[in-house]
Amino acid sequence: MKIIDIGTQPNALFTTESLFHDRILKKQLAAKGWKLREHPYRNGNDMVPYTDGRLDVMILGDIPAFIAMQLNNIGISAVIRQGHNTVIARRRITAPELKGLRVAYPFNTTAHYAIERTLNAANLTTDDIVSINLQPDEMLNALSNNIVDVIVSREPTTSIILKNIKGSAAIYVIDGYSYIAFDRGFSARNPEIQKYLLAAVLRAVLWLKNGKENSSTSLEWDRKAEMKFLCNSAIECNTRWKNLLLRETIDNPLYPMLPLNFMDETTTNYKQFIFLKNKKIIPANAEWSKICERVDLKILPAIIRDGTNFEIDHFDYSTEKLFQDTGINQ
């Protein structure tokens, strides 16, 4: 049996857990001699070193995706969630008051870009704060125990902190995306397998739209995945979490399509690219055109047109994971 190595981020929402419960996908892959093997990571930046061919499929946020696309032969094909990063302080402050404070965020991620934008609005830079490289699951403890003054993170971390730390306040929010990315060599060698995987994403979206009880099931899968990875999870199958899940997925009419204006130089995508160059995270001579040529806007519409063949509107999900072979690169 051939292996598809997929990098995931279990400490998030709608993390492609559906792929690991999808009997139709398992049957389609098995018929071609393939199965999935999961490699969980705490964030996309941790995953970037493994985009050198060791991972075939990856769930990457904007910034890690652009870094990986400059370093290796990576392309993006679909949106897995449309969310945002939030700057949260232990008390309500303005952007100029960030000067000199201890600010926690995972370096080289979309959260890094969010704090930079916040500081720039007050004519500050990261040189004016004490930057602390911290992972989302460490932030509640750090803020509660006065180890840091401010955190920058995505959901569900931000909702957990705002709920649990009295007086905490969101002072800046910036939109962002997470993508399903493929090693382009893998896709070129196995175009049908790539389509099966993307069809499974489309199937999960239609399934999520098909009934409120399905959002509860999806949240339960995410909760179990996070529990297994971190030994704890704040995700609950209640109205608040359902609304959050839906807001970051199917409430966007185009989801899971990539934005049609992705390549425009007026978008947040392009501004993030310039941020990476200015911070010397990617080479100064990096070209936006290289990113754009690796963005596939056509593959999802093609799968939808051939939806009957790919069974995107049929649902057969297992209660337990169908692929239990987990990789060790964490």
C-alpha atoms as a PDB file:
ATOM      1  CA  MET A   1       0.000   0.000   0.000  1.00  0.00           C
ATOM      2  CA  LYS A   2       1.396   3.410  -1.025  1.00  0.00           C
ATOM      3  CA  ILE A   3       1.379   6.225   1.531  1.00  0.00           C
ATOM      4  CA  ILE A   4       0.074   9.798   1.266  1.00  0.00           C
ATOM      5  CA  ASP A   5       1.814  11.819   3.983  1.00  0.00           C
ATOM      6  CA  ILE A   6      -0.434  14.645   5.152  1.00  0.00           C
ATOM      7  CA  GLY A   7       0.561  17.381   7.609  1.00  0.00           C
ATOM      8  CA  THR A   8      -2.273  18.590   9.833  1.00  0.00           C
ATOM      9  CA  GLN A   9      -2.822  21.078  12.655  1.00  0.00           C
ATOM     10  CA  PRO A  10      -5.069  19.365  15.226  1.00  0.00           C
ATOM     11  CA  ASN A  11      -5.299  22.449  17.486  1.00  0.00           C
ATOM     12  CA  ALA A  12      -7.692  24.280  15.131  1.00  0.00           C
ATOM     13  CA  LEU A  13     -11.209  24.031  13.684  1.00  0.00           C
ATOM     14  CA  PHE A  14     -12.284  22.028  10.618  1.00  0.00           C
ATOM     15  CA  THR A  15      -8.789  20.608  10.388  1.00  0.00           C
ATOM     16  CA  THR A  16      -9.559  18.076   7.613  1.00  0.00           C
ATOM     17  CA  GLU A  17     -10.472  15.519  10.285  1.00  0.00           C
ATOM     18  CA  SER A  18     -13.299  14.667   7.891  1.00  0.00           C
ATOM     19  CA  LEU A  19     -10.749  13.135   5.492  1.00  0.00           C
ATOM     20  CA  PHE A  20      -9.769  10.565   8.102  1.00  0.00           C
ATOM     21  CA  HIS A  21     -13.414   9.548   8.702  1.00  0.00           C
ATOM     22  CA  ASP A  22     -14.493   9.444   5.045  1.00  0.00           C
ATOM     23  CA  ARG A  23     -15.323   5.888   3.909  1.00  0.00           C
ATOM     24  CA  ILE A  24     -15.797   7.035   0.306  1.00  0.00           C
ATOM     25  CA  LEU A  25     -12.308   8.551   0.220  1.00  0.00           C
ATOM     26  CA  LYS A  26     -10.816   5.451   1.809  1.00  0.00           C
ATOM     27  CA  LYS A  27     -12.478   3.261  -0.814  1.00  0.00           C
ATOM     28  CA  GLN A  28     -11.325   5.492  -3.673  1.00  0.00           C
ATOM     29  CA  LEU A  29      -7.737   5.588  -2.434  1.00  0.00           C
ATOM     30  CA  ALA A  30      -7.611   1.866  -1.644  1.00  0.00           C
ATOM     31  CA  ALA A  31      -8.784   1.034  -5.167  1.00  0.00           C
ATOM     32  CA  LYS A  32      -5.629   2.773  -6.430  1.00  0.00           C
ATOM     33  CA  GLY A  33      -3.394   1.228  -3.734  1.00  0.00           C
ATOM     34  CA  TRP A  34      -3.103   4.280  -1.431  1.00  0.00           C
ATOM     35  CA  LYS A  35      -3.818   5.236   2.166  1.00  0.00           C
ATOM     36  CA  LEU A  36      -3.326   8.354   4.327  1.00  0.00           C
ATOM     37  CA  ARG A  37      -0.716   8.821   7.043  1.00  0.00           C
ATOM     38  CA  GLU A  38      -1.156  11.814   9.341  1.00  0.00           C
ATOM     39  CA  HIS A  39       1.660  14.002  10.690  1.00  0.00           C
ATOM     40  CA  PRO A  40       0.344  16.484  13.302  1.00  0.00           C
ATOM     41  CA  TYR A  41       2.033  19.856  13.901  1.00  0.00           C
ATOM     42  CA  ARG A  42       1.337  22.724  16.274  1.00  0.00           C
ATOM     43  CA  ASN A  43       1.409  25.315  13.485  1.00  0.00           C
ATOM     44  CA  GLY A  44       2.309  25.769   9.854  1.00  0.00           C
ATOM     45  CA  ASN A  45       5.751  27.181  10.599  1.00  0.00           C
ATOM     46  CA  ASP A  46       6.693  23.898  12.293  1.00  0.00           C
ATOM     47  CA  MET A  47       5.559  22.109   9.146  1.00  0.00           C
ATOM     48  CA  VAL A  48       7.584  24.188   6.662  1.00  0.00           C
ATOM     49  CA  PRO A  49      10.857  22.174   6.969  1.00  0.00           C
ATOM     50  CA  TYR A  50       8.939  19.043   5.930  1.00  0.00           C
ATOM     51  CA  THR A  51       7.565  20.613   2.741  1.00  0.00           C
ATOM     52  CA  ASP A  52      10.768  19.497   1.022  1.00  0.00           C
ATOM     53  CA  GLY A  53       9.071  16.382  -0.359  1.00  0.00           C
ATOM     54  CA  ARG A  54       8.534  14.524   2.903  1.00  0.00           C
ATOM     55  CA  LEU A  55       4.919  15.740   3.037  1.00  0.00           C
ATOM     56  CA  ASP A  56       2.583  15.246   0.088  1.00  0.00           C
ATOM     57  CA  VAL A  57      -0.339  17.278   1.447  1.00  0.00           C
ATOM     58  CA  MET A  58      -0.285  20.089   4.038  1.00  0.00           C
ATOM     59  CA  ILE A  59      -2.655  22.388   5.913  1.00  0.00           C
ATOM     60  CA  LEU A  60      -0.862  25.748   5.923  1.00  0.00           C
ATOM     61  CA  GLY A  61      -1.838  29.281   6.902  1.00  0.00           C
ATOM     62  CA  ASP A  62      -1.026  32.237   4.638  1.00  0.00           C
ATOM     63  CA  ILE A  63       2.464  33.075   5.864  1.00  0.00           C
ATOM     64  CA  PRO A  64       3.834  29.489   6.189  1.00  0.00           C
ATOM     65  CA  ALA A  65       2.324  28.687   2.785  1.00  0.00           C
ATOM     66  CA  PHE A  66       4.146  31.587   1.110  1.00  0.00           C
ATOM     67  CA  ILE A  67       7.408  30.627   2.819  1.00  0.00           C
ATOM     68  CA  ALA A  68       7.027  27.011   1.702  1.00  0.00           C
ATOM     69  CA  MET A  69       6.158  28.068  -1.854  1.00  0.00           C
ATOM     70  CA  GLN A  70       9.411  30.032  -2.058  1.00  0.00           C
ATOM     71  CA  LEU A  71      11.519  27.249  -0.561  1.00  0.00           C
ATOM     72  CA  ASN A  72      10.027  24.159  -2.152  1.00  0.00           C
ATOM     73  CA  ASN A  73       7.798  22.873  -4.927  1.00  0.00           C
ATOM     74  CA  ILE A  74       4.503  23.596  -3.159  1.00  0.00           C
ATOM     75  CA  GLY A  75       1.161  24.766  -4.576  1.00  0.00           C
ATOM     76  CA  ILE A  76      -2.215  25.607  -3.026  1.00  0.00           C
ATOM     77  CA  SER A  77      -5.550  24.380  -4.317  1.00  0.00           C
ATOM     78  CA  ALA A  78      -8.302  25.226  -1.801  1.00  0.00           C
ATOM     79  CA  VAL A  79      -9.214  27.182   1.323  1.00  0.00           C
ATOM     80  CA  ILE A  80      -9.610  25.031   4.417  1.00  0.00           C
ATOM     81  CA  ARG A  81     -10.772  27.884   6.648  1.00  0.00           C
ATOM     82  CA  GLN A  82     -11.199  31.647   6.465  1.00  0.00           C
ATOM     83  CA  GLY A  83     -10.503  33.071   9.881  1.00  0.00           C
ATOM     84  CA  HIS A  84      -8.559  35.810  11.564  1.00  0.00           C
ATOM     85  CA  ASN A  85      -5.780  36.483  14.028  1.00  0.00           C
ATOM     86  CA  THR A  86      -6.530  38.685  17.037  1.00  0.00           C
ATOM     87  CA  VAL A  87      -4.245  40.781  19.229  1.00  0.00           C
ATOM     88  CA  ILE A  88      -5.427  40.402  22.842  1.00  0.00           C
ATOM     89  CA  ALA A  89      -4.154  42.261  25.901  1.00  0.00           C
ATOM     90  CA  ARG A  90      -4.904  41.597  29.577  1.00  0.00           C
ATOM     91  CA  ARG A  91      -6.693  44.946  29.651  1.00  0.00           C
ATOM     92  CA  ARG A  92      -8.048  47.289  27.010  1.00  0.00           C
ATOM     93  CA  ILE A  93      -5.228  49.347  25.508  1.00  0.00           C
ATOM     94  CA  THR A  94      -4.513  51.222  22.298  1.00  0.00           C
ATOM     95  CA  ALA A  95      -1.860  50.293  19.755  1.00  0.00           C
ATOM     96  CA  PRO A  96       0.655  52.949  20.944  1.00  0.00           C
ATOM     97  CA  GLU A  97       0.502  51.411  24.444  1.00  0.00           C
ATOM     98  CA  LEU A  98       2.032  48.199  23.094  1.00  0.00           C
ATOM     99  CA  LYS A  99       5.451  49.847  23.239  1.00  0.00           C
ATOM    100  CA  GLY A 100       7.710  47.990  25.674  1.00  0.00           C
ATOM    101  CA  LEU A 101       5.199  45.217  26.380  1.00  0.00           C
ATOM    102  CA  ARG A 102       5.855  41.478  26.225  1.00  0.00           C
ATOM    103  CA  VAL A 103       3.973  40.174  23.204  1.00  0.00           C
ATOM    104  CA  ALA A 104       3.618  36.448  22.495  1.00  0.00           C
ATOM    105  CA  TYR A 105       3.033  35.051  19.014  1.00  0.00           C
ATOM    106  CA  PRO A 106       4.388  32.163  16.933  1.00  0.00           C
ATOM    107  CA  PHE A 107       7.143  33.625  14.784  1.00  0.00           C
ATOM    108  CA  ASN A 108       6.869  33.511  10.979  1.00  0.00           C
ATOM    109  CA  THR A 109       3.116  32.930  10.995  1.00  0.00           C
ATOM    110  CA  THR A 110       0.065  35.022  10.154  1.00  0.00           C
ATOM    111  CA  ALA A 111       0.001  36.073  13.819  1.00  0.00           C
ATOM    112  CA  HIS A 112       3.449  37.627  13.251  1.00  0.00           C
ATOM    113  CA  TYR A 113       2.007  39.628  10.371  1.00  0.00           C
ATOM    114  CA  ALA A 114      -0.975  40.700  12.512  1.00  0.00           C
ATOM    115  CA  ILE A 115       1.174  42.165  15.300  1.00  0.00           C
ATOM    116  CA  GLU A 116       3.350  43.932  12.719  1.00  0.00           C
ATOM    117  CA  ARG A 117       0.254  45.557  11.187  1.00  0.00           C
ATOM    118  CA  THR A 118      -0.990  46.584  14.626  1.00  0.00           C
ATOM    119  CA  LEU A 119       2.334  48.177  15.533  1.00  0.00           C
ATOM    120  CA  ASN A 120       2.661  49.927  12.186  1.00  0.00           C
ATOM    121  CA  ALA A 121      -0.702  51.621  12.798  1.00  0.00           C
ATOM    122  CA  ALA A 122       0.980  53.342  15.770  1.00  0.00           C
ATOM    123  CA  ASN A 123       4.271  54.031  13.931  1.00  0.00           C
ATOM    124  CA  LEU A 124       5.943  51.215  15.877  1.00  0.00           C
ATOM    125  CA  THR A 125       7.717  48.003  14.837  1.00  0.00           C
ATOM    126  CA  THR A 126       8.549  44.723  16.550  1.00  0.00           C
ATOM    127  CA  ASP A 127      11.767  46.416  17.714  1.00  0.00           C
ATOM    128  CA  ASP A 128       9.562  48.438  20.075  1.00  0.00           C
ATOM    129  CA  ILE A 129       8.152  45.395  21.904  1.00  0.00           C
ATOM    130  CA  VAL A 130       9.545  42.300  23.609  1.00  0.00           C
ATOM    131  CA  SER A 131       8.680  39.509  21.182  1.00  0.00           C
ATOM    132  CA  ILE A 132       8.196  36.026  22.662  1.00  0.00           C
ATOM    133  CA  ASN A 133       7.876  32.981  20.418  1.00  0.00           C
ATOM    134  CA  LEU A 134       4.918  31.114  21.930  1.00  0.00           C
ATOM    135  CA  GLN A 135       2.538  28.469  20.624  1.00  0.00           C
ATOM    136  CA  PRO A 136      -1.261  28.943  20.814  1.00  0.00           C
ATOM    137  CA  ASP A 137      -1.768  26.196  23.421  1.00  0.00           C
ATOM    138  CA  GLU A 138       0.723  27.946  25.745  1.00  0.00           C
ATOM    139  CA  MET A 139      -0.888  31.387  25.608  1.00  0.00           C
ATOM    140  CA  LEU A 140      -3.698  31.075  28.153  1.00  0.00           C
ATOM    141  CA  ASN A 141      -1.264  30.031  30.868  1.00  0.00           C
ATOM    142  CA  ALA A 142       1.271  32.716  29.902  1.00  0.00           C
ATOM    143  CA  LEU A 143      -1.296  35.525  29.954  1.00  0.00           C
ATOM    144  CA  SER A 144      -2.997  34.254  33.131  1.00  0.00           C
ATOM    145  CA  ASN A 145       0.313  34.094  35.018  1.00  0.00           C
ATOM    146  CA  ASN A 146       1.647  37.478  33.890  1.00  0.00           C
ATOM    147  CA  ILE A 147       4.421  35.904  31.828  1.00  0.00           C
ATOM    148  CA  VAL A 148       3.317  38.011  28.868  1.00  0.00           C
ATOM    149  CA  ASP A 149       1.180  41.130  28.462  1.00  0.00           C
ATOM    150  CA  VAL A 150      -0.285  40.485  25.024  1.00  0.00           C
ATOM    151  CA  ILE A 151      -0.900  37.475  22.785  1.00  0.00           C
ATOM    152  CA  VAL A 152      -1.617  37.164  19.080  1.00  0.00           C
ATOM    153  CA  SER A 153      -3.392  34.056  17.832  1.00  0.00           C
ATOM    154  CA  ARG A 154      -6.196  32.529  15.819  1.00  0.00           C
ATOM    155  CA  GLU A 155      -9.368  30.791  16.882  1.00  0.00           C
ATOM    156  CA  PRO A 156     -10.096  28.848  18.982  1.00  0.00           C
ATOM    157  CA  THR A 157      -7.293  30.217  21.214  1.00  0.00           C
ATOM    158  CA  THR A 158      -8.606  33.790  21.156  1.00  0.00           C
ATOM    159  CA  SER A 159     -12.151  32.865  22.228  1.00  0.00           C
ATOM    160  CA  ILE A 160     -10.771  30.726  25.053  1.00  0.00           C
ATOM    161  CA  ILE A 161      -8.640  33.590  26.371  1.00  0.00           C
ATOM    162  CA  LEU A 162     -11.385  36.218  26.117  1.00  0.00           C
ATOM    163  CA  LYS A 163     -13.743  33.894  27.986  1.00  0.00           C
ATOM    164  CA  ASN A 164     -11.322  32.870  30.736  1.00  0.00           C
ATOM    165  CA  ILE A 165      -9.267  35.994  31.495  1.00  0.00           C
ATOM    166  CA  LYS A 166     -11.382  38.690  33.095  1.00  0.00           C
ATOM    167  CA  GLY A 167     -10.739  42.132  31.651  1.00  0.00           C
ATOM    168  CA  SER A 168      -8.890  40.867  28.576  1.00  0.00           C
ATOM    169  CA  ALA A 169      -9.717  42.682  25.354  1.00  0.00           C
ATOM    170  CA  ALA A 170      -9.215  42.296  21.634  1.00  0.00           C
ATOM    171  CA  ILE A 171      -7.438  45.367  20.282  1.00  0.00           C
ATOM    172  CA  TYR A 172      -6.802  44.401  16.639  1.00  0.00           C
ATOM    173  CA  VAL A 173      -8.096  41.755  14.221  1.00  0.00           C
ATOM    174  CA  ILE A 174      -6.763  40.788  10.814  1.00  0.00           C
ATOM    175  CA  ASP A 175      -8.301  38.321   8.368  1.00  0.00           C
ATOM    176  CA  GLY A 176      -6.401  35.357   7.026  1.00  0.00           C
ATOM    177  CA  TYR A 177      -6.744  32.002   5.329  1.00  0.00           C
ATOM    178  CA  SER A 178      -5.547  28.459   5.793  1.00  0.00           C
ATOM    179  CA  TYR A 179      -5.035  26.405   2.659  1.00  0.00           C
ATOM    180  CA  ILE A 180      -4.777  22.809   1.580  1.00  0.00           C
ATOM    181  CA  ALA A 181      -1.432  22.623  -0.170  1.00  0.00           C
ATOM    182  CA  PHE A 182       0.173  19.884  -2.248  1.00  0.00           C
ATOM    183  CA  ASP A 183       3.694  18.946  -3.173  1.00  0.00           C
ATOM    184  CA  ARG A 184       3.537  19.721  -6.882  1.00  0.00           C
ATOM    185  CA  GLY A 185       5.698  16.745  -7.754  1.00  0.00           C
ATOM    186  CA  PHE A 186       3.231  14.466  -5.964  1.00  0.00           C
ATOM    187  CA  SER A 187       0.300  16.124  -7.775  1.00  0.00           C
ATOM    188  CA  ALA A 188       1.987  15.809 -11.163  1.00  0.00           C
ATOM    189  CA  ARG A 189       2.657  12.118 -10.602  1.00  0.00           C
ATOM    190  CA  ASN A 190      -0.765  11.412  -9.084  1.00  0.00           C
ATOM    191  CA  PRO A 191      -3.329  13.885 -10.471  1.00  0.00           C
ATOM    192  CA  GLU A 192      -6.278  11.563  -9.801  1.00  0.00           C
ATOM    193  CA  ILE A 193      -5.253  11.094  -6.157  1.00  0.00           C
ATOM    194  CA  GLN A 194      -5.079  14.880  -5.693  1.00  0.00           C
ATOM    195  CA  LYS A 195      -8.601  15.150  -7.111  1.00  0.00           C
ATOM    196  CA  TYR A 196      -9.897  12.445  -4.765  1.00  0.00           C
ATOM    197  CA  LEU A 197      -8.522  14.366  -1.787  1.00  0.00           C
ATOM    198  CA  LEU A 198      -9.978  17.686  -2.936  1.00  0.00           C
ATOM    199  CA  ALA A 199     -13.289  15.992  -3.725  1.00  0.00           C
ATOM    200  CA  ALA A 200     -13.304  14.788  -0.113  1.00  0.00           C
ATOM    201  CA  VAL A 201     -12.887  18.406   1.025  1.00  0.00           C
ATOM    202  CA  LEU A 202     -15.822  19.449  -1.167  1.00  0.00           C
ATOM    203  CA  ARG A 203     -17.859  16.512   0.159  1.00  0.00           C
ATOM    204  CA  ALA A 204     -17.152  17.589   3.743  1.00  0.00           C
ATOM    205  CA  VAL A 205     -18.303  21.136   2.934  1.00  0.00           C
ATOM    206  CA  LEU A 206     -21.581  19.909   1.440  1.00  0.00           C
ATOM    207  CA  TRP A 207     -22.029  17.555   4.388  1.00  0.00           C
ATOM    208  CA  LEU A 208     -21.486  20.437   6.823  1.00  0.00           C
ATOM    209  CA  LYS A 209     -24.160  22.436   4.988  1.00  0.00           C
ATOM    210  CA  ASN A 210     -26.505  19.466   5.025  1.00  0.00           C
ATOM    211  CA  GLY A 211     -27.573  19.654   8.675  1.00  0.00           C
ATOM    212  CA  LYS A 212     -26.872  21.290  12.021  1.00  0.00           C
ATOM    213  CA  GLU A 213     -26.038  17.952  13.620  1.00  0.00           C
ATOM    214  CA  ASN A 214     -23.085  17.603  11.243  1.00  0.00           C
ATOM    215  CA  SER A 215     -21.369  20.664  12.732  1.00  0.00           C
ATOM    216  CA  SER A 216     -21.598  18.932  16.138  1.00  0.00           C
ATOM    217  CA  THR A 217     -19.965  15.829  14.696  1.00  0.00           C
ATOM    218  CA  SER A 218     -17.209  17.906  13.075  1.00  0.00           C
ATOM    219  CA  LEU A 219     -16.519  19.694  16.367  1.00  0.00           C
ATOM    220  CA  GLU A 220     -16.363  16.376  18.184  1.00  0.00           C
ATOM    221  CA  TRP A 221     -13.773  15.101  15.698  1.00  0.00           C
ATOM    222  CA  ASP A 222     -11.724  18.279  16.179  1.00  0.00           C
ATOM    223  CA  ARG A 223     -12.009  17.941  19.947  1.00  0.00           C
ATOM    224  CA  LYS A 224     -10.799  14.324  19.884  1.00  0.00           C
ATOM    225  CA  ALA A 225      -7.904  15.210  17.561  1.00  0.00           C
ATOM    226  CA  GLU A 226      -6.793  18.053  19.831  1.00  0.00           C
ATOM    227  CA  MET A 227      -7.131  15.855  22.932  1.00  0.00           C
ATOM    228  CA  LYS A 228      -4.946  13.195  21.352  1.00  0.00           C
ATOM    229  CA  PHE A 229      -2.340  15.748  20.253  1.00  0.00           C
ATOM    230  CA  LEU A 230      -2.225  18.061  23.293  1.00  0.00           C
ATOM    231  CA  CYS A 231      -3.991  15.968  25.977  1.00  0.00           C
ATOM    232  CA  ASN A 232      -6.584  18.748  26.407  1.00  0.00           C
ATOM    233  CA  SER A 233      -9.144  20.682  24.382  1.00  0.00           C
ATOM    234  CA  ALA A 234     -11.507  23.587  25.019  1.00  0.00           C
ATOM    235  CA  ILE A 235     -13.644  22.811  21.966  1.00  0.00           C
ATOM    236  CA  GLU A 236     -17.263  22.045  22.848  1.00  0.00           C
ATOM    237  CA  CYS A 237     -20.248  20.956  20.778  1.00  0.00           C
ATOM    238  CA  ASN A 238     -22.388  23.956  21.716  1.00  0.00           C
ATOM    239  CA  THR A 239     -23.951  26.889  19.892  1.00  0.00           C
ATOM    240  CA  ARG A 240     -20.997  29.225  20.437  1.00  0.00           C
ATOM    241  CA  TRP A 241     -18.529  26.795  18.898  1.00  0.00           C
ATOM    242  CA  LYS A 242     -20.901  25.835  16.073  1.00  0.00           C
ATOM    243  CA  ASN A 243     -21.292  29.490  15.137  1.00  0.00           C
ATOM    244  CA  LEU A 244     -17.518  29.923  15.163  1.00  0.00           C
ATOM    245  CA  LEU A 245     -17.019  26.846  12.976  1.00  0.00           C
ATOM    246  CA  LEU A 246     -19.626  27.978  10.461  1.00  0.00           C
ATOM    247  CA  ARG A 247     -18.316  31.561  10.407  1.00  0.00           C
ATOM    248  CA  GLU A 248     -14.846  30.335   9.426  1.00  0.00           C
ATOM    249  CA  THR A 249     -16.112  27.899   6.790  1.00  0.00           C
ATOM    250  CA  ILE A 250     -19.474  27.697   5.021  1.00  0.00           C
ATOM    251  CA  ASP A 251     -20.699  31.210   5.889  1.00  0.00           C
ATOM    252  CA  ASN A 252     -18.407  32.313   3.048  1.00  0.00           C
ATOM    253  CA  PRO A 253     -20.431  31.556  -0.138  1.00  0.00           C
ATOM    254  CA  LEU A 254     -17.285  30.793  -2.171  1.00  0.00           C
ATOM    255  CA  TYR A 255     -15.785  28.415   0.404  1.00  0.00           C
ATOM    256  CA  PRO A 256     -13.655  26.311  -0.151  1.00  0.00           C
ATOM    257  CA  MET A 257     -12.674  28.111  -3.373  1.00  0.00           C
ATOM    258  CA  LEU A 258      -9.528  30.210  -3.396  1.00  0.00           C
ATOM    259  CA  PRO A 259     -10.270  33.964  -3.680  1.00  0.00           C
ATOM    260  CA  LEU A 260     -10.676  34.902  -7.331  1.00  0.00           C
ATOM    261  CA  ASN A 261      -8.650  38.081  -6.742  1.00  0.00           C
ATOM    262  CA  PHE A 262      -5.825  36.148  -5.071  1.00  0.00           C
ATOM    263  CA  MET A 263      -3.193  37.511  -7.442  1.00  0.00           C
ATOM    264  CA  ASP A 264      -4.161  41.181  -7.107  1.00  0.00           C
ATOM    265  CA  GLU A 265      -1.464  43.353  -5.564  1.00  0.00           C
ATOM    266  CA  THR A 266      -4.105  45.136  -3.464  1.00  0.00           C
ATOM    267  CA  THR A 267      -4.927  42.043  -1.397  1.00  0.00           C
ATOM    268  CA  THR A 268      -3.791  40.996   2.075  1.00  0.00           C
ATOM    269  CA  ASN A 269      -2.035  38.066   0.374  1.00  0.00           C
ATOM    270  CA  TYR A 270       0.295  40.400  -1.490  1.00  0.00           C
ATOM    271  CA  LYS A 271       0.862  42.588   1.571  1.00  0.00           C
ATOM    272  CA  GLN A 272       1.883  39.466   3.522  1.00  0.00           C
ATOM    273  CA  PHE A 273       4.319  38.584   0.759  1.00  0.00           C
ATOM    274  CA  ILE A 274       5.912  42.055   0.981  1.00  0.00           C
ATOM    275  CA  PHE A 275       6.043  41.683   4.784  1.00  0.00           C
ATOM    276  CA  LEU A 276       8.019  38.450   4.399  1.00  0.00           C
ATOM    277  CA  LYS A 277      10.494  40.150   2.060  1.00  0.00           C
ATOM    278  CA  ASN A 278      10.898  43.160   4.332  1.00  0.00           C
ATOM    279  CA  LYS A 279      11.537  40.886   7.313  1.00  0.00           C
ATOM    280  CA  LYS A 280      14.045  38.873   5.246  1.00  0.00           C
ATOM    281  CA  ILE A 281      12.076  35.713   5.975  1.00  0.00           C
ATOM    282  CA  ILE A 282      12.108  35.070   2.230  1.00  0.00           C
ATOM    283  CA  PRO A 283      14.774  36.411  -0.182  1.00  0.00           C
ATOM    284  CA  ALA A 284      14.621  40.053  -1.211  1.00  0.00           C
ATOM    285  CA  ASN A 285      14.562  38.951  -4.857  1.00  0.00           C
ATOM    286  CA  ALA A 286      11.532  36.662  -4.339  1.00  0.00           C
ATOM    287  CA  GLU A 287       8.829  37.274  -6.953  1.00  0.00           C
ATOM    288  CA  TRP A 288       5.061  37.426  -6.418  1.00  0.00           C
ATOM    289  CA  SER A 289       4.641  35.799  -9.822  1.00  0.00           C
ATOM    290  CA  LYS A 290       6.232  32.622  -8.421  1.00  0.00           C
ATOM    291  CA  ILE A 291       3.503  32.457  -5.787  1.00  0.00           C
ATOM    292  CA  CYS A 292       0.773  33.155  -8.320  1.00  0.00           C
ATOM    293  CA  GLU A 293       1.885  30.440 -10.731  1.00  0.00           C
ATOM    294  CA  ARG A 294       1.462  27.907  -7.924  1.00  0.00           C
ATOM    295  CA  VAL A 295      -2.131  28.903  -7.105  1.00  0.00           C
ATOM    296  CA  ASP A 296      -4.607  26.565  -8.808  1.00  0.00           C
ATOM    297  CA  LEU A 297      -7.964  28.308  -9.271  1.00  0.00           C
ATOM    298  CA  LYS A 298      -9.260  25.764 -11.791  1.00  0.00           C
ATOM    299  CA  ILE A 299      -9.065  22.363 -10.118  1.00  0.00           C
ATOM    300  CA  LEU A 300     -12.008  22.698  -7.695  1.00  0.00           C
ATOM    301  CA  PRO A 301     -14.452  23.941 -10.376  1.00  0.00           C
ATOM    302  CA  ALA A 302     -13.375  21.009 -12.574  1.00  0.00           C
ATOM    303  CA  ILE A 303     -14.076  18.527  -9.763  1.00  0.00           C
ATOM    304  CA  ILE A 304     -17.474  20.132  -9.123  1.00  0.00           C
ATOM    305  CA  ARG A 305     -18.380  19.789 -12.809  1.00  0.00           C
ATOM    306  CA  ASP A 306     -17.496  16.097 -12.537  1.00  0.00           C
ATOM    307  CA  GLY A 307     -19.122  15.809  -9.110  1.00  0.00           C
ATOM    308  CA  THR A 308     -21.092  12.647  -9.866  1.00  0.00           C
ATOM    309  CA  ASN A 309     -17.918  10.737 -10.737  1.00  0.00           C
ATOM    310  CA  PHE A 310     -16.203  11.982  -7.561  1.00  0.00           C
ATOM    311  CA  GLU A 311     -19.297  11.388  -5.386  1.00  0.00           C
ATOM    312  CA  ILE A 312     -19.067  14.813  -3.780  1.00  0.00           C
ATOM    313  CA  ASP A 313     -22.744  14.798  -2.776  1.00  0.00           C
ATOM    314  CA  HIS A 314     -22.701  11.355  -1.134  1.00  0.00           C
ATOM    315  CA  PHE A 315     -21.839  11.056   2.556  1.00  0.00           C
ATOM    316  CA  ASP A 316     -20.526   8.021   4.402  1.00  0.00           C
ATOM    317  CA  TYR A 317     -18.530   8.912   7.504  1.00  0.00           C
ATOM    318  CA  SER A 318     -17.163   6.595  10.150  1.00  0.00           C
ATOM    319  CA  THR A 319     -17.469   7.411  13.847  1.00  0.00           C
ATOM    320  CA  GLU A 320     -13.827   6.510  14.386  1.00  0.00           C
ATOM    321  CA  LYS A 321     -10.784   7.361  12.280  1.00  0.00           C
ATOM    322  CA  LEU A 322     -10.237   5.061   9.324  1.00  0.00           C
ATOM    323  CA  PHE A 323      -6.533   5.875   9.001  1.00  0.00           C
ATOM    324  CA  GLN A 324      -4.693   5.249  12.262  1.00  0.00           C
ATOM    325  CA  ASP A 325      -1.105   5.216  10.979  1.00  0.00           C
ATOM    326  CA  THR A 326       0.289   8.493  12.374  1.00  0.00           C
ATOM    327  CA  GLY A 327       3.682   9.890  11.451  1.00  0.00           C
ATOM    328  CA  ILE A 328       6.231  11.044  14.026  1.00  0.00           C
ATOM    329  CA  ASN A 329       7.449  14.410  12.660  1.00  0.00           C
ATOM    330  CA  GLN A 330       5.831  16.650  15.247  1.00  0.00           C
END
